[in-house]
Amino acid sequence: MADEVLLEKHYVEVCPGCKVDMRKLSNSGFPMKELFSMRLVVLCNALPISSLYPFLYFMIRDFHVAKRDEDIGYYAGYVGAALMLGRVFTSVFWGVIADRYGRKPDYFEHIVWPQHKHLDGPRY
């Protein structure tokens, strides 16, 4: 009798884990929508990194940061490392925001909003 009560599924409306379990029960097929959204997130996460490095040499040269041309690679390494350190130090903050407000607002902040700012045009 007591084992039956413990094994019985009881879902709570506001519980995120219960929502996931209910979604798993209702969807028996391949999760294409979820995989596509994760693929989009991974792609948008890689774009800032891959688009930064081709322009670092010219940015450092044009800003006259390095005294000699041989030192440009040295300073480019610092700029690339600063990007990664910024990600390290802010990832905990964005994790807390995602835990508190949910994943969707966090995705919106990282994916949709930066694209919207670029579509507005340059601000000079």
PDB file of N, CA and C in Angstrom:
ATOM      1  N   MET A   1       0.825  -1.187   0.000  1.00  0.00           N
ATOM      2  CA  MET A   1       0.000   0.000   0.000  1.00  0.00           C
ATOM      3  C   MET A   1       0.874   1.258   0.000  1.00  0.00           C
ATOM      4  N   ALA A   2       1.864   1.313   0.904  1.00  0.00           N
ATOM      5  CA  ALA A   2       2.720   2.500   0.974  1.00  0.00           C
ATOM      6  C   ALA A   2       3.593   2.616  -0.263  1.00  0.00           C
ATOM      7  N   ASP A   3       4.017   1.479  -0.847  1.00  0.00           N
ATOM      8  CA  ASP A   3       4.839   1.522  -2.058  1.00  0.00           C
ATOM      9  C   ASP A   3       4.061   2.082  -3.239  1.00  0.00           C
ATOM     10  N   GLU A   4       2.774   1.776  -3.330  1.00  0.00           N
ATOM     11  CA  GLU A   4       1.955   2.280  -4.424  1.00  0.00           C
ATOM     12  C   GLU A   4       1.821   3.792  -4.351  1.00  0.00           C
ATOM     13  N   VAL A   5       1.698   4.346  -3.162  1.00  0.00           N
ATOM     14  CA  VAL A   5       1.566   5.785  -2.996  1.00  0.00           C
ATOM     15  C   VAL A   5       2.871   6.478  -3.387  1.00  0.00           C
ATOM     16  N   LEU A   6       4.008   5.912  -3.048  1.00  0.00           N
ATOM     17  CA  LEU A   6       5.290   6.518  -3.374  1.00  0.00           C
ATOM     18  C   LEU A   6       5.599   6.433  -4.863  1.00  0.00           C
ATOM     19  N   LEU A   7       5.158   5.387  -5.538  1.00  0.00           N
ATOM     20  CA  LEU A   7       5.439   5.226  -6.959  1.00  0.00           C
ATOM     21  C   LEU A   7       4.463   5.982  -7.846  1.00  0.00           C
ATOM     22  N   GLU A   8       3.372   6.466  -7.301  1.00  0.00           N
ATOM     23  CA  GLU A   8       2.381   7.193  -8.089  1.00  0.00           C
ATOM     24  C   GLU A   8       2.942   8.560  -8.474  1.00  0.00           C
ATOM     25  N   LYS A   9       2.814   8.916  -9.758  1.00  0.00           N
ATOM     26  CA  LYS A   9       3.312  10.207 -10.251  1.00  0.00           C
ATOM     27  C   LYS A   9       2.346  11.312  -9.853  1.00  0.00           C
ATOM     28  N   HIS A  10       2.888  12.343  -9.246  1.00  0.00           N
ATOM     29  CA  HIS A  10       2.098  13.511  -8.879  1.00  0.00           C
ATOM     30  C   HIS A  10       2.799  14.729  -9.467  1.00  0.00           C
ATOM     31  N   TYR A  11       2.129  15.409 -10.382  1.00  0.00           N
ATOM     32  CA  TYR A  11       2.736  16.552 -11.059  1.00  0.00           C
ATOM     33  C   TYR A  11       2.197  17.850 -10.478  1.00  0.00           C
ATOM     34  N   VAL A  12       3.104  18.785 -10.282  1.00  0.00           N
ATOM     35  CA  VAL A  12       2.756  20.112  -9.787  1.00  0.00           C
ATOM     36  C   VAL A  12       2.872  21.075 -10.963  1.00  0.00           C
ATOM     37  N   GLU A  13       1.929  21.984 -11.085  1.00  0.00           N
ATOM     38  CA  GLU A  13       1.856  22.872 -12.248  1.00  0.00           C
ATOM     39  C   GLU A  13       3.068  23.797 -12.378  1.00  0.00           C
ATOM     40  N   VAL A  14       3.598  24.314 -11.281  1.00  0.00           N
ATOM     41  CA  VAL A  14       4.673  25.300 -11.338  1.00  0.00           C
ATOM     42  C   VAL A  14       6.068  24.687 -11.280  1.00  0.00           C
ATOM     43  N   CYS A  15       6.161  23.383 -11.188  1.00  0.00           N
ATOM     44  CA  CYS A  15       7.457  22.713 -11.069  1.00  0.00           C
ATOM     45  C   CYS A  15       8.085  22.536 -12.454  1.00  0.00           C
ATOM     46  N   PRO A  16       9.297  23.081 -12.696  1.00  0.00           N
ATOM     47  CA  PRO A  16       9.930  22.927 -14.006  1.00  0.00           C
ATOM     48  C   PRO A  16      10.246  21.473 -14.341  1.00  0.00           C
ATOM     49  N   GLY A  17      10.658  20.695 -13.369  1.00  0.00           N
ATOM     50  CA  GLY A  17      10.948  19.283 -13.618  1.00  0.00           C
ATOM     51  C   GLY A  17       9.703  18.500 -13.995  1.00  0.00           C
ATOM     52  N   CYS A  18       8.573  18.852 -13.351  1.00  0.00           N
ATOM     53  CA  CYS A  18       7.307  18.187 -13.687  1.00  0.00           C
ATOM     54  C   CYS A  18       6.880  18.542 -15.107  1.00  0.00           C
ATOM     55  N   LYS A  19       7.118  19.786 -15.525  1.00  0.00           N
ATOM     56  CA  LYS A  19       6.780  20.184 -16.893  1.00  0.00           C
ATOM     57  C   LYS A  19       7.593  19.394 -17.901  1.00  0.00           C
ATOM     58  N   VAL A  20       8.858  19.176 -17.607  1.00  0.00           N
ATOM     59  CA  VAL A  20       9.711  18.390 -18.503  1.00  0.00           C
ATOM     60  C   VAL A  20       9.222  16.953 -18.567  1.00  0.00           C
ATOM     61  N   ASP A  21       8.871  16.372 -17.420  1.00  0.00           N
ATOM     62  CA  ASP A  21       8.363  14.999 -17.406  1.00  0.00           C
ATOM     63  C   ASP A  21       7.060  14.880 -18.184  1.00  0.00           C
ATOM     64  N   MET A  22       6.163  15.857 -18.036  1.00  0.00           N
ATOM     65  CA  MET A  22       4.898  15.816 -18.775  1.00  0.00           C
ATOM     66  C   MET A  22       5.142  15.969 -20.276  1.00  0.00           C
ATOM     67  N   ARG A  23       6.113  16.816 -20.659  1.00  0.00           N
ATOM     68  CA  ARG A  23       6.439  16.977 -22.076  1.00  0.00           C
ATOM     69  C   ARG A  23       7.030  15.689 -22.638  1.00  0.00           C
ATOM     70  N   LYS A  24       7.850  14.995 -21.853  1.00  0.00           N
ATOM     71  CA  LYS A  24       8.417  13.721 -22.302  1.00  0.00           C
ATOM     72  C   LYS A  24       7.329  12.681 -22.519  1.00  0.00           C
ATOM     73  N   LEU A  25       6.330  12.667 -21.655  1.00  0.00           N
ATOM     74  CA  LEU A  25       5.239  11.709 -21.811  1.00  0.00           C
ATOM     75  C   LEU A  25       4.383  12.015 -23.040  1.00  0.00           C
ATOM     76  N   SER A  26       4.187  13.296 -23.341  1.00  0.00           N
ATOM     77  CA  SER A  26       3.320  13.656 -24.463  1.00  0.00           C
ATOM     78  C   SER A  26       4.039  13.563 -25.811  1.00  0.00           C
ATOM     79  N   ASN A  27       5.343  13.770 -25.856  1.00  0.00           N
ATOM     80  CA  ASN A  27       6.109  13.709 -27.104  1.00  0.00           C
ATOM     81  C   ASN A  27       6.919  12.422 -27.133  1.00  0.00           C
ATOM     82  N   SER A  28       6.559  11.541 -28.041  1.00  0.00           N
ATOM     83  CA  SER A  28       7.298  10.286 -28.126  1.00  0.00           C
ATOM     84  C   SER A  28       8.257  10.272 -29.308  1.00  0.00           C
ATOM     85  N   GLY A  29       8.210  11.286 -30.173  1.00  0.00           N
ATOM     86  CA  GLY A  29       9.052  11.314 -31.360  1.00  0.00           C
ATOM     87  C   GLY A  29      10.417  11.916 -31.091  1.00  0.00           C
ATOM     88  N   PHE A  30      11.147  12.141 -32.190  1.00  0.00           N
ATOM     89  CA  PHE A  30      12.475  12.728 -32.123  1.00  0.00           C
ATOM     90  C   PHE A  30      12.349  14.221 -31.816  1.00  0.00           C
ATOM     91  N   PRO A  31      13.104  14.773 -30.863  1.00  0.00           N
ATOM     92  CA  PRO A  31      12.937  16.178 -30.460  1.00  0.00           C
ATOM     93  C   PRO A  31      13.615  17.155 -31.427  1.00  0.00           C
ATOM     94  N   MET A  32      13.071  17.298 -32.636  1.00  0.00           N
ATOM     95  CA  MET A  32      13.674  18.168 -33.652  1.00  0.00           C
ATOM     96  C   MET A  32      13.667  19.634 -33.232  1.00  0.00           C
ATOM     97  N   LYS A  33      12.583  20.095 -32.655  1.00  0.00           N
ATOM     98  CA  LYS A  33      12.478  21.501 -32.261  1.00  0.00           C
ATOM     99  C   LYS A  33      13.532  21.851 -31.218  1.00  0.00           C
ATOM    100  N   GLU A  34      13.712  21.002 -30.228  1.00  0.00           N
ATOM    101  CA  GLU A  34      14.701  21.260 -29.180  1.00  0.00           C
ATOM    102  C   GLU A  34      16.120  21.196 -29.730  1.00  0.00           C
ATOM    103  N   LEU A  35      16.381  20.230 -30.602  1.00  0.00           N
ATOM    104  CA  LEU A  35      17.720  20.126 -31.190  1.00  0.00           C
ATOM    105  C   LEU A  35      18.030  21.306 -32.101  1.00  0.00           C
ATOM    106  N   PHE A  36      17.037  21.775 -32.840  1.00  0.00           N
ATOM    107  CA  PHE A  36      17.262  22.937 -33.700  1.00  0.00           C
ATOM    108  C   PHE A  36      17.558  24.180 -32.870  1.00  0.00           C
ATOM    109  N   SER A  37      16.812  24.369 -31.771  1.00  0.00           N
ATOM    110  CA  SER A  37      17.064  25.542 -30.941  1.00  0.00           C
ATOM    111  C   SER A  37      18.436  25.466 -30.279  1.00  0.00           C
ATOM    112  N   MET A  38      18.861  24.284 -29.858  1.00  0.00           N
ATOM    113  CA  MET A  38      20.196  24.162 -29.270  1.00  0.00           C
ATOM    114  C   MET A  38      21.280  24.376 -30.325  1.00  0.00           C
ATOM    115  N   ARG A  39      21.025  23.923 -31.547  1.00  0.00           N
ATOM    116  CA  ARG A  39      21.985  24.144 -32.625  1.00  0.00           C
ATOM    117  C   ARG A  39      22.125  25.635 -32.916  1.00  0.00           C
ATOM    118  N   LEU A  40      21.017  26.360 -32.884  1.00  0.00           N
ATOM    119  CA  LEU A  40      21.048  27.799 -33.088  1.00  0.00           C
ATOM    120  C   LEU A  40      21.826  28.497 -31.974  1.00  0.00           C
ATOM    121  N   VAL A  41      21.641  28.059 -30.748  1.00  0.00           N
ATOM    122  CA  VAL A  41      22.357  28.649 -29.616  1.00  0.00           C
ATOM    123  C   VAL A  41      23.857  28.408 -29.742  1.00  0.00           C
ATOM    124  N   VAL A  42      24.252  27.193 -30.105  1.00  0.00           N
ATOM    125  CA  VAL A  42      25.678  26.885 -30.246  1.00  0.00           C
ATOM    126  C   VAL A  42      26.292  27.690 -31.389  1.00  0.00           C
ATOM    127  N   LEU A  43      25.565  27.832 -32.496  1.00  0.00           N
ATOM    128  CA  LEU A  43      26.072  28.617 -33.623  1.00  0.00           C
ATOM    129  C   LEU A  43      26.238  30.078 -33.242  1.00  0.00           C
ATOM    130  N   CYS A  44      25.235  30.644 -32.589  1.00  0.00           N
ATOM    131  CA  CYS A  44      25.324  32.049 -32.187  1.00  0.00           C
ATOM    132  C   CYS A  44      26.371  32.272 -31.107  1.00  0.00           C
ATOM    133  N   ASN A  45      26.674  31.258 -30.343  1.00  0.00           N
ATOM    134  CA  ASN A  45      27.720  31.357 -29.335  1.00  0.00           C
ATOM    135  C   ASN A  45      29.104  31.362 -29.983  1.00  0.00           C
ATOM    136  N   ALA A  46      29.256  30.648 -31.089  1.00  0.00           N
ATOM    137  CA  ALA A  46      30.558  30.562 -31.749  1.00  0.00           C
ATOM    138  C   ALA A  46      30.839  31.744 -32.669  1.00  0.00           C
ATOM    139  N   LEU A  47      29.822  32.442 -33.131  1.00  0.00           N
ATOM    140  CA  LEU A  47      30.039  33.532 -34.080  1.00  0.00           C
ATOM    141  C   LEU A  47      30.885  34.682 -33.531  1.00  0.00           C
ATOM    142  N   PRO A  48      30.654  35.173 -32.308  1.00  0.00           N
ATOM    143  CA  PRO A  48      31.501  36.273 -31.832  1.00  0.00           C
ATOM    144  C   PRO A  48      32.976  35.887 -31.725  1.00  0.00           C
ATOM    145  N   ILE A  49      33.244  34.649 -31.350  1.00  0.00           N
ATOM    146  CA  ILE A  49      34.628  34.215 -31.212  1.00  0.00           C
ATOM    147  C   ILE A  49      35.293  34.135 -32.585  1.00  0.00           C
ATOM    148  N   SER A  50      34.615  33.497 -33.531  1.00  0.00           N
ATOM    149  CA  SER A  50      35.227  33.297 -34.849  1.00  0.00           C
ATOM    150  C   SER A  50      35.283  34.576 -35.663  1.00  0.00           C
ATOM    151  N   SER A  51      34.416  35.538 -35.376  1.00  0.00           N
ATOM    152  CA  SER A  51      34.480  36.787 -36.136  1.00  0.00           C
ATOM    153  C   SER A  51      35.451  37.793 -35.526  1.00  0.00           C
ATOM    154  N   LEU A  52      35.921  37.561 -34.335  1.00  0.00           N
ATOM    155  CA  LEU A  52      36.850  38.499 -33.702  1.00  0.00           C
ATOM    156  C   LEU A  52      38.270  38.347 -34.229  1.00  0.00           C
ATOM    157  N   TYR A  53      38.745  37.124 -34.324  1.00  0.00           N
ATOM    158  CA  TYR A  53      40.161  36.893 -34.595  1.00  0.00           C
ATOM    159  C   TYR A  53      40.645  37.365 -35.965  1.00  0.00           C
ATOM    160  N   PRO A  54      39.869  37.295 -37.040  1.00  0.00           N
ATOM    161  CA  PRO A  54      40.396  37.815 -38.306  1.00  0.00           C
ATOM    162  C   PRO A  54      40.653  39.318 -38.303  1.00  0.00           C
ATOM    163  N   PHE A  55      39.965  40.056 -37.454  1.00  0.00           N
ATOM    164  CA  PHE A  55      40.094  41.507 -37.460  1.00  0.00           C
ATOM    165  C   PHE A  55      41.022  42.051 -36.383  1.00  0.00           C
ATOM    166  N   LEU A  56      41.500  41.208 -35.506  1.00  0.00           N
ATOM    167  CA  LEU A  56      42.341  41.681 -34.405  1.00  0.00           C
ATOM    168  C   LEU A  56      43.625  42.344 -34.894  1.00  0.00           C
ATOM    169  N   TYR A  57      44.264  41.732 -35.859  1.00  0.00           N
ATOM    170  CA  TYR A  57      45.519  42.280 -36.361  1.00  0.00           C
ATOM    171  C   TYR A  57      45.319  43.703 -36.856  1.00  0.00           C
ATOM    172  N   PHE A  58      44.285  43.915 -37.662  1.00  0.00           N
ATOM    173  CA  PHE A  58      44.042  45.231 -38.250  1.00  0.00           C
ATOM    174  C   PHE A  58      43.570  46.236 -37.206  1.00  0.00           C
ATOM    175  N   MET A  59      42.796  45.786 -36.233  1.00  0.00           N
ATOM    176  CA  MET A  59      42.333  46.685 -35.186  1.00  0.00           C
ATOM    177  C   MET A  59      43.511  47.194 -34.354  1.00  0.00           C
ATOM    178  N   ILE A  60      44.394  46.308 -33.974  1.00  0.00           N
ATOM    179  CA  ILE A  60      45.539  46.712 -33.159  1.00  0.00           C
ATOM    180  C   ILE A  60      46.495  47.580 -33.972  1.00  0.00           C
ATOM    181  N   ARG A  61      46.669  47.257 -35.244  1.00  0.00           N
ATOM    182  CA  ARG A  61      47.530  48.065 -36.106  1.00  0.00           C
ATOM    183  C   ARG A  61      46.953  49.461 -36.300  1.00  0.00           C
ATOM    184  N   ASP A  62      45.636  49.559 -36.559  1.00  0.00           N
ATOM    185  CA  ASP A  62      45.015  50.858 -36.838  1.00  0.00           C
ATOM    186  C   ASP A  62      44.865  51.727 -35.597  1.00  0.00           C
ATOM    187  N   PHE A  63      44.760  51.114 -34.418  1.00  0.00           N
ATOM    188  CA  PHE A  63      44.686  51.889 -33.184  1.00  0.00           C
ATOM    189  C   PHE A  63      46.072  52.265 -32.655  1.00  0.00           C
ATOM    190  N   HIS A  64      47.113  51.812 -33.328  1.00  0.00           N
ATOM    191  CA  HIS A  64      48.508  52.105 -32.963  1.00  0.00           C
ATOM    192  C   HIS A  64      48.812  51.676 -31.522  1.00  0.00           C
ATOM    193  N   VAL A  65      48.346  50.496 -31.178  1.00  0.00           N
ATOM    194  CA  VAL A  65      48.610  49.963 -29.842  1.00  0.00           C
ATOM    195  C   VAL A  65      50.047  49.474 -29.752  1.00  0.00           C
ATOM    196  N   ALA A  66      50.481  48.751 -30.767  1.00  0.00           N
ATOM    197  CA  ALA A  66      51.835  48.184 -30.772  1.00  0.00           C
ATOM    198  C   ALA A  66      52.811  49.193 -31.366  1.00  0.00           C
ATOM    199  N   LYS A  67      53.985  49.242 -30.790  1.00  0.00           N
ATOM    200  CA  LYS A  67      55.023  50.149 -31.300  1.00  0.00           C
ATOM    201  C   LYS A  67      55.635  49.606 -32.593  1.00  0.00           C
ATOM    202  N   ARG A  68      55.800  48.268 -32.662  1.00  0.00           N
ATOM    203  CA  ARG A  68      56.359  47.629 -33.857  1.00  0.00           C
ATOM    204  C   ARG A  68      55.346  46.638 -34.413  1.00  0.00           C
ATOM    205  N   ASP A  69      55.489  46.314 -35.680  1.00  0.00           N
ATOM    206  CA  ASP A  69      54.582  45.346 -36.305  1.00  0.00           C
ATOM    207  C   ASP A  69      54.752  43.953 -35.713  1.00  0.00           C
ATOM    208  N   GLU A  70      55.939  43.662 -35.197  1.00  0.00           N
ATOM    209  CA  GLU A  70      56.172  42.341 -34.609  1.00  0.00           C
ATOM    210  C   GLU A  70      55.405  42.142 -33.301  1.00  0.00           C
ATOM    211  N   ASP A  71      54.989  43.218 -32.655  1.00  0.00           N
ATOM    212  CA  ASP A  71      54.296  43.132 -31.376  1.00  0.00           C
ATOM    213  C   ASP A  71      52.778  43.014 -31.518  1.00  0.00           C
ATOM    214  N   ILE A  72      52.268  43.088 -32.729  1.00  0.00           N
ATOM    215  CA  ILE A  72      50.817  43.055 -32.920  1.00  0.00           C
ATOM    216  C   ILE A  72      50.232  41.720 -32.460  1.00  0.00           C
ATOM    217  N   GLY A  73      50.893  40.628 -32.749  1.00  0.00           N
ATOM    218  CA  GLY A  73      50.408  39.311 -32.315  1.00  0.00           C
ATOM    219  C   GLY A  73      50.369  39.180 -30.801  1.00  0.00           C
ATOM    220  N   TYR A  74      51.338  39.797 -30.143  1.00  0.00           N
ATOM    221  CA  TYR A  74      51.390  39.784 -28.685  1.00  0.00           C
ATOM    222  C   TYR A  74      50.144  40.448 -28.110  1.00  0.00           C
ATOM    223  N   TYR A  75      49.791  41.628 -28.619  1.00  0.00           N
ATOM    224  CA  TYR A  75      48.621  42.347 -28.122  1.00  0.00           C
ATOM    225  C   TYR A  75      47.316  41.686 -28.576  1.00  0.00           C
ATOM    226  N   ALA A  76      47.329  41.052 -29.727  1.00  0.00           N
ATOM    227  CA  ALA A  76      46.139  40.331 -30.192  1.00  0.00           C
ATOM    228  C   ALA A  76      45.825  39.170 -29.249  1.00  0.00           C
ATOM    229  N   GLY A  77      46.849  38.544 -28.730  1.00  0.00           N
ATOM    230  CA  GLY A  77      46.639  37.481 -27.740  1.00  0.00           C
ATOM    231  C   GLY A  77      45.972  38.005 -26.481  1.00  0.00           C
ATOM    232  N   TYR A  78      46.358  39.211 -26.058  1.00  0.00           N
ATOM    233  CA  TYR A  78      45.722  39.798 -24.883  1.00  0.00           C
ATOM    234  C   TYR A  78      44.245  40.105 -25.132  1.00  0.00           C
ATOM    235  N   VAL A  79      43.933  40.605 -26.321  1.00  0.00           N
ATOM    236  CA  VAL A  79      42.536  40.928 -26.621  1.00  0.00           C
ATOM    237  C   VAL A  79      41.696  39.647 -26.681  1.00  0.00           C
ATOM    238  N   GLY A  80      42.221  38.600 -27.327  1.00  0.00           N
ATOM    239  CA  GLY A  80      41.498  37.330 -27.375  1.00  0.00           C
ATOM    240  C   GLY A  80      41.323  36.717 -25.995  1.00  0.00           C
ATOM    241  N   ALA A  81      42.341  36.815 -25.165  1.00  0.00           N
ATOM    242  CA  ALA A  81      42.242  36.297 -23.800  1.00  0.00           C
ATOM    243  C   ALA A  81      41.252  37.114 -22.976  1.00  0.00           C
ATOM    244  N   ALA A  82      41.191  38.425 -23.237  1.00  0.00           N
ATOM    245  CA  ALA A  82      40.234  39.265 -22.503  1.00  0.00           C
ATOM    246  C   ALA A  82      38.802  38.874 -22.834  1.00  0.00           C
ATOM    247  N   LEU A  83      38.544  38.506 -24.095  1.00  0.00           N
ATOM    248  CA  LEU A  83      37.206  38.047 -24.462  1.00  0.00           C
ATOM    249  C   LEU A  83      36.842  36.777 -23.691  1.00  0.00           C
ATOM    250  N   MET A  84      37.765  35.838 -23.640  1.00  0.00           N
ATOM    251  CA  MET A  84      37.481  34.580 -22.938  1.00  0.00           C
ATOM    252  C   MET A  84      37.374  34.785 -21.428  1.00  0.00           C
ATOM    253  N   LEU A  85      38.190  35.653 -20.871  1.00  0.00           N
ATOM    254  CA  LEU A  85      38.077  35.938 -19.432  1.00  0.00           C
ATOM    255  C   LEU A  85      36.753  36.626 -19.113  1.00  0.00           C
ATOM    256  N   GLY A  86      36.303  37.489 -20.016  1.00  0.00           N
ATOM    257  CA  GLY A  86      34.991  38.107 -19.830  1.00  0.00           C
ATOM    258  C   GLY A  86      33.885  37.075 -19.815  1.00  0.00           C
ATOM    259  N   ARG A  87      34.006  36.068 -20.673  1.00  0.00           N
ATOM    260  CA  ARG A  87      33.016  34.993 -20.670  1.00  0.00           C
ATOM    261  C   ARG A  87      33.084  34.180 -19.378  1.00  0.00           C
ATOM    262  N   VAL A  88      34.290  33.940 -18.880  1.00  0.00           N
ATOM    263  CA  VAL A  88      34.444  33.167 -17.645  1.00  0.00           C
ATOM    264  C   VAL A  88      33.809  33.906 -16.474  1.00  0.00           C
ATOM    265  N   PHE A  89      34.083  35.189 -16.368  1.00  0.00           N
ATOM    266  CA  PHE A  89      33.596  35.928 -15.204  1.00  0.00           C
ATOM    267  C   PHE A  89      32.109  36.249 -15.281  1.00  0.00           C
ATOM    268  N   THR A  90      31.530  36.347 -16.476  1.00  0.00           N
ATOM    269  CA  THR A  90      30.111  36.661 -16.568  1.00  0.00           C
ATOM    270  C   THR A  90      29.226  35.429 -16.708  1.00  0.00           C
ATOM    271  N   SER A  91      29.805  34.246 -16.917  1.00  0.00           N
ATOM    272  CA  SER A  91      28.975  33.051 -17.083  1.00  0.00           C
ATOM    273  C   SER A  91      28.215  32.705 -15.805  1.00  0.00           C
ATOM    274  N   VAL A  92      28.802  32.932 -14.659  1.00  0.00           N
ATOM    275  CA  VAL A  92      28.102  32.662 -13.402  1.00  0.00           C
ATOM    276  C   VAL A  92      26.923  33.622 -13.254  1.00  0.00           C
ATOM    277  N   PHE A  93      27.127  34.883 -13.597  1.00  0.00           N
ATOM    278  CA  PHE A  93      26.047  35.867 -13.527  1.00  0.00           C
ATOM    279  C   PHE A  93      24.888  35.474 -14.434  1.00  0.00           C
ATOM    280  N   TRP A  94      25.196  35.098 -15.689  1.00  0.00           N
ATOM    281  CA  TRP A  94      24.124  34.718 -16.616  1.00  0.00           C
ATOM    282  C   TRP A  94      23.480  33.406 -16.194  1.00  0.00           C
ATOM    283  N   GLY A  95      24.209  32.532 -15.538  1.00  0.00           N
ATOM    284  CA  GLY A  95      23.605  31.320 -14.999  1.00  0.00           C
ATOM    285  C   GLY A  95      22.608  31.623 -13.898  1.00  0.00           C
ATOM    286  N   VAL A  96      22.942  32.567 -13.035  1.00  0.00           N
ATOM    287  CA  VAL A  96      22.018  32.971 -11.970  1.00  0.00           C
ATOM    288  C   VAL A  96      20.768  33.609 -12.572  1.00  0.00           C
ATOM    289  N   ILE A  97      20.953  34.459 -13.585  1.00  0.00           N
ATOM    290  CA  ILE A  97      19.805  35.081 -14.255  1.00  0.00           C
ATOM    291  C   ILE A  97      18.921  34.018 -14.895  1.00  0.00           C
ATOM    292  N   ALA A  98      19.545  33.031 -15.544  1.00  0.00           N
ATOM    293  CA  ALA A  98      18.774  31.963 -16.183  1.00  0.00           C
ATOM    294  C   ALA A  98      18.043  31.111 -15.149  1.00  0.00           C
ATOM    295  N   ASP A  99      18.657  30.864 -14.004  1.00  0.00           N
ATOM    296  CA  ASP A  99      17.989  30.091 -12.960  1.00  0.00           C
ATOM    297  C   ASP A  99      16.827  30.860 -12.341  1.00  0.00           C
ATOM    298  N   ARG A 100      16.993  32.162 -12.231  1.00  0.00           N
ATOM    299  CA  ARG A 100      15.963  32.960 -11.579  1.00  0.00           C
ATOM    300  C   ARG A 100      14.785  33.258 -12.508  1.00  0.00           C
ATOM    301  N   TYR A 101      15.064  33.631 -13.769  1.00  0.00           N
ATOM    302  CA  TYR A 101      14.005  34.065 -14.678  1.00  0.00           C
ATOM    303  C   TYR A 101      13.677  33.044 -15.763  1.00  0.00           C
ATOM    304  N   GLY A 102      14.461  32.009 -15.892  1.00  0.00           N
ATOM    305  CA  GLY A 102      14.205  30.994 -16.911  1.00  0.00           C
ATOM    306  C   GLY A 102      15.209  31.077 -18.041  1.00  0.00           C
ATOM    307  N   ARG A 103      15.244  30.040 -18.857  1.00  0.00           N
ATOM    308  CA  ARG A 103      16.212  29.978 -19.946  1.00  0.00           C
ATOM    309  C   ARG A 103      15.817  30.859 -21.131  1.00  0.00           C
ATOM    310  N   LYS A 104      14.520  30.960 -21.397  1.00  0.00           N
ATOM    311  CA  LYS A 104      14.090  31.699 -22.583  1.00  0.00           C
ATOM    312  C   LYS A 104      14.451  33.184 -22.529  1.00  0.00           C
ATOM    313  N   PRO A 105      14.234  33.897 -21.424  1.00  0.00           N
ATOM    314  CA  PRO A 105      14.696  35.294 -21.388  1.00  0.00           C
ATOM    315  C   PRO A 105      16.211  35.414 -21.536  1.00  0.00           C
ATOM    316  N   ASP A 106      16.933  34.440 -21.002  1.00  0.00           N
ATOM    317  CA  ASP A 106      18.388  34.450 -21.131  1.00  0.00           C
ATOM    318  C   ASP A 106      18.802  34.239 -22.583  1.00  0.00           C
ATOM    319  N   TYR A 107      18.144  33.311 -23.280  1.00  0.00           N
ATOM    320  CA  TYR A 107      18.427  33.104 -24.705  1.00  0.00           C
ATOM    321  C   TYR A 107      18.084  34.354 -25.497  1.00  0.00           C
ATOM    322  N   PHE A 108      16.961  34.974 -25.167  1.00  0.00           N
ATOM    323  CA  PHE A 108      16.572  36.193 -25.859  1.00  0.00           C
ATOM    324  C   PHE A 108      17.631  37.272 -25.690  1.00  0.00           C
ATOM    325  N   GLU A 109      18.138  37.394 -24.492  1.00  0.00           N
ATOM    326  CA  GLU A 109      19.152  38.413 -24.211  1.00  0.00           C
ATOM    327  C   GLU A 109      20.429  38.177 -25.009  1.00  0.00           C
ATOM    328  N   HIS A 110      20.793  36.900 -25.206  1.00  0.00           N
ATOM    329  CA  HIS A 110      22.046  36.595 -25.880  1.00  0.00           C
ATOM    330  C   HIS A 110      21.925  36.454 -27.385  1.00  0.00           C
ATOM    331  N   ILE A 111      20.760  36.071 -27.891  1.00  0.00           N
ATOM    332  CA  ILE A 111      20.628  35.785 -29.321  1.00  0.00           C
ATOM    333  C   ILE A 111      19.895  36.895 -30.050  1.00  0.00           C
ATOM    334  N   VAL A 112      18.700  37.214 -29.620  1.00  0.00           N
ATOM    335  CA  VAL A 112      17.859  38.136 -30.374  1.00  0.00           C
ATOM    336  C   VAL A 112      18.306  39.576 -30.189  1.00  0.00           C
ATOM    337  N   TRP A 113      18.592  39.983 -28.978  1.00  0.00           N
ATOM    338  CA  TRP A 113      18.903  41.387 -28.717  1.00  0.00           C
ATOM    339  C   TRP A 113      20.187  41.856 -29.412  1.00  0.00           C
ATOM    340  N   PRO A 114      21.298  41.109 -29.364  1.00  0.00           N
ATOM    341  CA  PRO A 114      22.483  41.581 -30.095  1.00  0.00           C
ATOM    342  C   PRO A 114      22.253  41.656 -31.611  1.00  0.00           C
ATOM    343  N   GLN A 115      21.479  40.735 -32.175  1.00  0.00           N
ATOM    344  CA  GLN A 115      21.189  40.801 -33.604  1.00  0.00           C
ATOM    345  C   GLN A 115      20.347  42.032 -33.911  1.00  0.00           C
ATOM    346  N   HIS A 116      19.426  42.361 -33.029  1.00  0.00           N
ATOM    347  CA  HIS A 116      18.600  43.550 -33.210  1.00  0.00           C
ATOM    348  C   HIS A 116      19.451  44.816 -33.195  1.00  0.00           C
ATOM    349  N   LYS A 117      20.441  44.854 -32.312  1.00  0.00           N
ATOM    350  CA  LYS A 117      21.305  46.030 -32.255  1.00  0.00           C
ATOM    351  C   LYS A 117      22.122  46.169 -33.530  1.00  0.00           C
ATOM    352  N   HIS A 118      22.545  45.045 -34.130  1.00  0.00           N
ATOM    353  CA  HIS A 118      23.309  45.119 -35.373  1.00  0.00           C
ATOM    354  C   HIS A 118      22.428  45.502 -36.546  1.00  0.00           C
ATOM    355  N   LEU A 119      21.175  45.115 -36.528  1.00  0.00           N
ATOM    356  CA  LEU A 119      20.272  45.461 -37.626  1.00  0.00           C
ATOM    357  C   LEU A 119      19.850  46.913 -37.594  1.00  0.00           C
ATOM    358  N   ASP A 120      19.972  47.556 -36.438  1.00  0.00           N
ATOM    359  CA  ASP A 120      19.638  48.983 -36.333  1.00  0.00           C
ATOM    360  C   ASP A 120      20.566  49.829 -37.186  1.00  0.00           C
ATOM    361  N   GLY A 121      21.741  49.367 -37.422  1.00  0.00           N
ATOM    362  CA  GLY A 121      22.712  50.131 -38.183  1.00  0.00           C
ATOM    363  C   GLY A 121      23.798  50.677 -37.275  1.00  0.00           C
ATOM    364  N   PRO A 122      24.843  51.188 -37.878  1.00  0.00           N
ATOM    365  CA  PRO A 122      25.968  51.681 -37.062  1.00  0.00           C
ATOM    366  C   PRO A 122      25.611  52.970 -36.326  1.00  0.00           C
ATOM    367  N   ARG A 123      26.193  53.131 -35.194  1.00  0.00           N
ATOM    368  CA  ARG A 123      26.031  54.334 -34.385  1.00  0.00           C
ATOM    369  C   ARG A 123      27.375  55.068 -34.351  1.00  0.00           C
ATOM    370  N   TYR A 124      27.456  56.131 -35.096  1.00  0.00           N
ATOM    371  CA  TYR A 124      28.705  56.883 -35.150  1.00  0.00           C
ATOM    372  C   TYR A 124      28.590  58.193 -34.445  1.00  0.00           C
TER     373      TYR A 124
END
